[in-house]
Amino acid sequence: ISKTSRIGKGTIIQPNVFIGNNVTI
């Protein structure tokens, strides 16, 4: 999970998910 990604409040990320650079959720 890239440190440049932004993940909103209350969002659940389950194991083994890949999140690339500059992703917004």
PDB file of all heavy atoms in Angstrom:
ATOM      1  N   ILE A   1       0.866  -1.180   0.000  1.00  0.00           N
ATOM      2  CA  ILE A   1       0.000   0.000   0.000  1.00  0.00           C
ATOM      3  C   ILE A   1       0.904   1.232   0.000  1.00  0.00           C
ATOM      4  O   ILE A   1       1.604   1.503   0.974  1.00  0.00           O
ATOM      5  CB  ILE A   1      -0.944   0.015   1.213  1.00  0.00           C
ATOM      6  CG1 ILE A   1      -1.850  -1.218   1.185  1.00  0.00           C
ATOM      7  CG2 ILE A   1      -1.787   1.288   1.217  1.00  0.00           C
ATOM      8  CD1 ILE A   1      -2.795  -1.326   2.370  1.00  0.00           C
ATOM      9  N   SER A   2       0.906   1.950  -1.115  1.00  0.00           N
ATOM     10  CA  SER A   2       1.826   3.071  -1.268  1.00  0.00           C
ATOM     11  C   SER A   2       1.547   4.169  -0.243  1.00  0.00           C
ATOM     12  O   SER A   2       0.389   4.475   0.072  1.00  0.00           O
ATOM     13  CB  SER A   2       1.695   3.650  -2.678  1.00  0.00           C
ATOM     14  OG  SER A   2       2.426   4.852  -2.798  1.00  0.00           O
ATOM     15  N   LYS A   3       2.623   4.764   0.238  1.00  0.00           N
ATOM     16  CA  LYS A   3       2.487   5.889   1.173  1.00  0.00           C
ATOM     17  C   LYS A   3       1.897   7.122   0.499  1.00  0.00           C
ATOM     18  O   LYS A   3       1.440   8.036   1.181  1.00  0.00           O
ATOM     19  CB  LYS A   3       3.853   6.216   1.787  1.00  0.00           C
ATOM     20  CG  LYS A   3       4.360   5.178   2.755  1.00  0.00           C
ATOM     21  CD  LYS A   3       5.673   5.617   3.394  1.00  0.00           C
ATOM     22  CE  LYS A   3       6.123   4.636   4.483  1.00  0.00           C
ATOM     23  NZ  LYS A   3       6.377   3.277   3.964  1.00  0.00           N
ATOM     24  N   THR A   4       1.919   7.141  -0.839  1.00  0.00           N
ATOM     25  CA  THR A   4       1.327   8.281  -1.551  1.00  0.00           C
ATOM     26  C   THR A   4      -0.168   8.102  -1.783  1.00  0.00           C
ATOM     27  O   THR A   4      -0.825   8.994  -2.317  1.00  0.00           O
ATOM     28  CB  THR A   4       2.022   8.495  -2.912  1.00  0.00           C
ATOM     29  OG1 THR A   4       1.843   7.328  -3.724  1.00  0.00           O
ATOM     30  CG2 THR A   4       3.505   8.765  -2.734  1.00  0.00           C
ATOM     31  N   SER A   5      -0.711   6.937  -1.410  1.00  0.00           N
ATOM     32  CA  SER A   5      -2.161   6.718  -1.552  1.00  0.00           C
ATOM     33  C   SER A   5      -2.904   7.436  -0.431  1.00  0.00           C
ATOM     34  O   SER A   5      -2.357   7.684   0.646  1.00  0.00           O
ATOM     35  CB  SER A   5      -2.479   5.225  -1.530  1.00  0.00           C
ATOM     36  OG  SER A   5      -2.143   4.665  -0.282  1.00  0.00           O
ATOM     37  N   ARG A   6      -4.167   7.747  -0.694  1.00  0.00           N
ATOM     38  CA  ARG A   6      -5.010   8.421   0.295  1.00  0.00           C
ATOM     39  C   ARG A   6      -6.270   7.587   0.488  1.00  0.00           C
ATOM     40  O   ARG A   6      -7.010   7.357  -0.477  1.00  0.00           O
ATOM     41  CB  ARG A   6      -5.345   9.841  -0.156  1.00  0.00           C
ATOM     42  CG  ARG A   6      -4.107  10.722  -0.275  1.00  0.00           C
ATOM     43  CD  ARG A   6      -4.420  12.108  -0.808  1.00  0.00           C
ATOM     44  NE  ARG A   6      -4.908  12.090  -2.182  1.00  0.00           N
ATOM     45  CZ  ARG A   6      -4.119  11.958  -3.233  1.00  0.00           C
ATOM     46  NH1 ARG A   6      -2.814  11.829  -3.086  1.00  0.00           N
ATOM     47  NH2 ARG A   6      -4.641  11.953  -4.450  1.00  0.00           N
ATOM     48  N   ILE A   7      -6.514   7.150   1.710  1.00  0.00           N
ATOM     49  CA  ILE A   7      -7.620   6.246   1.996  1.00  0.00           C
ATOM     50  C   ILE A   7      -8.553   6.915   2.998  1.00  0.00           C
ATOM     51  O   ILE A   7      -8.133   7.355   4.070  1.00  0.00           O
ATOM     52  CB  ILE A   7      -7.099   4.907   2.545  1.00  0.00           C
ATOM     53  CG1 ILE A   7      -6.192   4.247   1.492  1.00  0.00           C
ATOM     54  CG2 ILE A   7      -8.257   3.979   2.917  1.00  0.00           C
ATOM     55  CD1 ILE A   7      -5.480   3.013   1.970  1.00  0.00           C
ATOM     56  N   GLY A   8      -9.839   6.985   2.657  1.00  0.00           N
ATOM     57  CA  GLY A   8     -10.798   7.736   3.451  1.00  0.00           C
ATOM     58  C   GLY A   8     -11.216   7.040   4.739  1.00  0.00           C
ATOM     59  O   GLY A   8     -11.007   5.841   4.939  1.00  0.00           O
ATOM     60  N   LYS A   9     -11.853   7.807   5.597  1.00  0.00           N
ATOM     61  CA  LYS A   9     -12.317   7.336   6.903  1.00  0.00           C
ATOM     62  C   LYS A   9     -13.336   6.211   6.738  1.00  0.00           C
ATOM     63  O   LYS A   9     -14.233   6.270   5.909  1.00  0.00           O
ATOM     64  CB  LYS A   9     -12.962   8.506   7.656  1.00  0.00           C
ATOM     65  CG  LYS A   9     -13.456   8.156   9.044  1.00  0.00           C
ATOM     66  CD  LYS A   9     -14.057   9.380   9.721  1.00  0.00           C
ATOM     67  CE  LYS A   9     -14.597   9.029  11.114  1.00  0.00           C
ATOM     68  NZ  LYS A   9     -15.215  10.207  11.765  1.00  0.00           N
ATOM     69  N   GLY A  10     -13.169   5.171   7.542  1.00  0.00           N
ATOM     70  CA  GLY A  10     -14.116   4.071   7.555  1.00  0.00           C
ATOM     71  C   GLY A  10     -13.926   3.053   6.450  1.00  0.00           C
ATOM     72  O   GLY A  10     -14.685   2.075   6.360  1.00  0.00           O
ATOM     73  N   THR A  11     -12.940   3.229   5.614  1.00  0.00           N
ATOM     74  CA  THR A  11     -12.679   2.269   4.534  1.00  0.00           C
ATOM     75  C   THR A  11     -11.913   1.067   5.080  1.00  0.00           C
ATOM     76  O   THR A  11     -10.967   1.222   5.866  1.00  0.00           O
ATOM     77  CB  THR A  11     -11.896   2.936   3.390  1.00  0.00           C
ATOM     78  OG1 THR A  11     -12.796   3.778   2.667  1.00  0.00           O
ATOM     79  CG2 THR A  11     -11.287   1.919   2.433  1.00  0.00           C
ATOM     80  N   ILE A  12     -12.315  -0.122   4.651  1.00  0.00           N
ATOM     81  CA  ILE A  12     -11.690  -1.371   5.104  1.00  0.00           C
ATOM     82  C   ILE A  12     -10.888  -1.963   3.948  1.00  0.00           C
ATOM     83  O   ILE A  12     -11.427  -2.180   2.853  1.00  0.00           O
ATOM     84  CB  ILE A  12     -12.755  -2.378   5.578  1.00  0.00           C
ATOM     85  CG1 ILE A  12     -13.497  -1.812   6.793  1.00  0.00           C
ATOM     86  CG2 ILE A  12     -12.125  -3.729   5.907  1.00  0.00           C
ATOM     87  CD1 ILE A  12     -14.723  -2.629   7.187  1.00  0.00           C
ATOM     88  N   ILE A  13      -9.617  -2.208   4.205  1.00  0.00           N
ATOM     89  CA  ILE A  13      -8.739  -2.842   3.227  1.00  0.00           C
ATOM     90  C   ILE A  13      -8.392  -4.232   3.745  1.00  0.00           C
ATOM     91  O   ILE A  13      -7.691  -4.383   4.748  1.00  0.00           O
ATOM     92  CB  ILE A  13      -7.450  -2.019   3.010  1.00  0.00           C
ATOM     93  CG1 ILE A  13      -7.766  -0.537   2.690  1.00  0.00           C
ATOM     94  CG2 ILE A  13      -6.590  -2.658   1.915  1.00  0.00           C
ATOM     95  CD1 ILE A  13      -8.480  -0.320   1.395  1.00  0.00           C
ATOM     96  N   GLN A  14      -8.866  -5.281   3.084  1.00  0.00           N
ATOM     97  CA  GLN A  14      -8.610  -6.654   3.492  1.00  0.00           C
ATOM     98  C   GLN A  14      -7.169  -7.080   3.133  1.00  0.00           C
ATOM     99  O   GLN A  14      -6.492  -6.386   2.372  1.00  0.00           O
ATOM    100  CB  GLN A  14      -9.624  -7.583   2.819  1.00  0.00           C
ATOM    101  CG  GLN A  14     -11.081  -7.334   3.232  1.00  0.00           C
ATOM    102  CD  GLN A  14     -11.418  -7.950   4.572  1.00  0.00           C
ATOM    103  OE1 GLN A  14     -10.904  -7.540   5.603  1.00  0.00           O
ATOM    104  NE2 GLN A  14     -12.286  -8.957   4.554  1.00  0.00           N
ATOM    105  N   PRO A  15      -6.698  -8.219   3.679  1.00  0.00           N
ATOM    106  CA  PRO A  15      -5.311  -8.650   3.432  1.00  0.00           C
ATOM    107  C   PRO A  15      -5.013  -8.867   1.948  1.00  0.00           C
ATOM    108  O   PRO A  15      -5.893  -9.191   1.155  1.00  0.00           O
ATOM    109  CB  PRO A  15      -5.215  -9.964   4.214  1.00  0.00           C
ATOM    110  CG  PRO A  15      -6.248  -9.859   5.268  1.00  0.00           C
ATOM    111  CD  PRO A  15      -7.376  -9.102   4.644  1.00  0.00           C
ATOM    112  N   ASN A  16      -3.734  -8.686   1.624  1.00  0.00           N
ATOM    113  CA  ASN A  16      -3.190  -8.958   0.286  1.00  0.00           C
ATOM    114  C   ASN A  16      -3.728  -8.043  -0.807  1.00  0.00           C
ATOM    115  O   ASN A  16      -3.686  -8.389  -1.995  1.00  0.00           O
ATOM    116  CB  ASN A  16      -3.424 -10.420  -0.119  1.00  0.00           C
ATOM    117  CG  ASN A  16      -2.733 -11.380   0.822  1.00  0.00           C
ATOM    118  OD1 ASN A  16      -1.624 -11.108   1.310  1.00  0.00           O
ATOM    119  ND2 ASN A  16      -3.375 -12.502   1.116  1.00  0.00           N
ATOM    120  N   VAL A  17      -4.215  -6.889  -0.428  1.00  0.00           N
ATOM    121  CA  VAL A  17      -4.617  -5.887  -1.418  1.00  0.00           C
ATOM    122  C   VAL A  17      -3.387  -5.071  -1.820  1.00  0.00           C
ATOM    123  O   VAL A  17      -2.586  -4.695  -0.965  1.00  0.00           O
ATOM    124  CB  VAL A  17      -5.712  -4.963  -0.859  1.00  0.00           C
ATOM    125  CG1 VAL A  17      -5.952  -3.768  -1.789  1.00  0.00           C
ATOM    126  CG2 VAL A  17      -7.013  -5.730  -0.650  1.00  0.00           C
ATOM    127  N   PHE A  18      -3.244  -4.811  -3.130  1.00  0.00           N
ATOM    128  CA  PHE A  18      -2.184  -3.920  -3.605  1.00  0.00           C
ATOM    129  C   PHE A  18      -2.802  -2.581  -3.986  1.00  0.00           C
ATOM    130  O   PHE A  18      -3.772  -2.528  -4.746  1.00  0.00           O
ATOM    131  CB  PHE A  18      -1.467  -4.500  -4.820  1.00  0.00           C
ATOM    132  CG  PHE A  18      -0.555  -3.511  -5.496  1.00  0.00           C
ATOM    133  CD1 PHE A  18       0.679  -3.214  -4.942  1.00  0.00           C
ATOM    134  CD2 PHE A  18      -0.946  -2.839  -6.652  1.00  0.00           C
ATOM    135  CE1 PHE A  18       1.514  -2.282  -5.538  1.00  0.00           C
ATOM    136  CE2 PHE A  18      -0.124  -1.909  -7.246  1.00  0.00           C
ATOM    137  CZ  PHE A  18       1.115  -1.633  -6.690  1.00  0.00           C
ATOM    138  N   ILE A  19      -2.227  -1.492  -3.467  1.00  0.00           N
ATOM    139  CA  ILE A  19      -2.674  -0.141  -3.788  1.00  0.00           C
ATOM    140  C   ILE A  19      -1.457   0.648  -4.251  1.00  0.00           C
ATOM    141  O   ILE A  19      -0.502   0.847  -3.496  1.00  0.00           O
ATOM    142  CB  ILE A  19      -3.342   0.538  -2.576  1.00  0.00           C
ATOM    143  CG1 ILE A  19      -4.583  -0.266  -2.150  1.00  0.00           C
ATOM    144  CG2 ILE A  19      -3.732   1.971  -2.910  1.00  0.00           C
ATOM    145  CD1 ILE A  19      -5.245   0.243  -0.894  1.00  0.00           C
ATOM    146  N   GLY A  20      -1.483   1.082  -5.499  1.00  0.00           N
ATOM    147  CA  GLY A  20      -0.332   1.726  -6.118  1.00  0.00           C
ATOM    148  C   GLY A  20      -0.152   3.179  -5.738  1.00  0.00           C
ATOM    149  O   GLY A  20      -0.815   3.725  -4.844  1.00  0.00           O
ATOM    150  N   ASN A  21       0.747   3.827  -6.470  1.00  0.00           N
ATOM    151  CA  ASN A  21       1.107   5.222  -6.205  1.00  0.00           C
ATOM    152  C   ASN A  21      -0.034   6.176  -6.554  1.00  0.00           C
ATOM    153  O   ASN A  21      -0.721   5.997  -7.564  1.00  0.00           O
ATOM    154  CB  ASN A  21       2.342   5.600  -7.031  1.00  0.00           C
ATOM    155  CG  ASN A  21       3.528   4.726  -6.707  1.00  0.00           C
ATOM    156  OD1 ASN A  21       3.965   4.643  -5.562  1.00  0.00           O
ATOM    157  ND2 ASN A  21       4.056   4.047  -7.719  1.00  0.00           N
ATOM    158  N   ASN A  22      -0.227   7.164  -5.703  1.00  0.00           N
ATOM    159  CA  ASN A  22      -1.172   8.262  -5.951  1.00  0.00           C
ATOM    160  C   ASN A  22      -2.612   7.792  -6.151  1.00  0.00           C
ATOM    161  O   ASN A  22      -3.391   8.414  -6.878  1.00  0.00           O
ATOM    162  CB  ASN A  22      -0.726   9.080  -7.173  1.00  0.00           C
ATOM    163  CG  ASN A  22       0.687   9.600  -7.020  1.00  0.00           C
ATOM    164  OD1 ASN A  22       1.036  10.189  -6.001  1.00  0.00           O
ATOM    165  ND2 ASN A  22       1.510   9.359  -8.031  1.00  0.00           N
ATOM    166  N   VAL A  23      -2.965   6.707  -5.494  1.00  0.00           N
ATOM    167  CA  VAL A  23      -4.349   6.224  -5.530  1.00  0.00           C
ATOM    168  C   VAL A  23      -5.164   6.977  -4.483  1.00  0.00           C
ATOM    169  O   VAL A  23      -4.690   7.252  -3.382  1.00  0.00           O
ATOM    170  CB  VAL A  23      -4.404   4.706  -5.263  1.00  0.00           C
ATOM    171  CG1 VAL A  23      -5.845   4.238  -5.029  1.00  0.00           C
ATOM    172  CG2 VAL A  23      -3.778   3.943  -6.421  1.00  0.00           C
ATOM    173  N   THR A  24      -6.410   7.300  -4.822  1.00  0.00           N
ATOM    174  CA  THR A  24      -7.330   7.926  -3.876  1.00  0.00           C
ATOM    175  C   THR A  24      -8.537   7.016  -3.685  1.00  0.00           C
ATOM    176  O   THR A  24      -9.189   6.636  -4.664  1.00  0.00           O
ATOM    177  CB  THR A  24      -7.795   9.298  -4.381  1.00  0.00           C
ATOM    178  OG1 THR A  24      -6.664  10.154  -4.550  1.00  0.00           O
ATOM    179  CG2 THR A  24      -8.765   9.938  -3.397  1.00  0.00           C
ATOM    180  N   ILE A  25      -8.828   6.660  -2.438  1.00  0.00           N
ATOM    181  CA  ILE A  25      -9.996   5.840  -2.104  1.00  0.00           C
ATOM    182  C   ILE A  25     -10.826   6.621  -1.094  1.00  0.00           C
ATOM    183  O   ILE A  25     -10.308   7.113  -0.087  1.00  0.00           O
ATOM    184  CB  ILE A  25      -9.586   4.475  -1.525  1.00  0.00           C
ATOM    185  CG1 ILE A  25      -8.705   3.719  -2.534  1.00  0.00           C
ATOM    186  CG2 ILE A  25     -10.817   3.640  -1.165  1.00  0.00           C
ATOM    187  CD1 ILE A  25      -8.166   2.406  -2.016  1.00  0.00           C
TER     188      ILE A  25
END
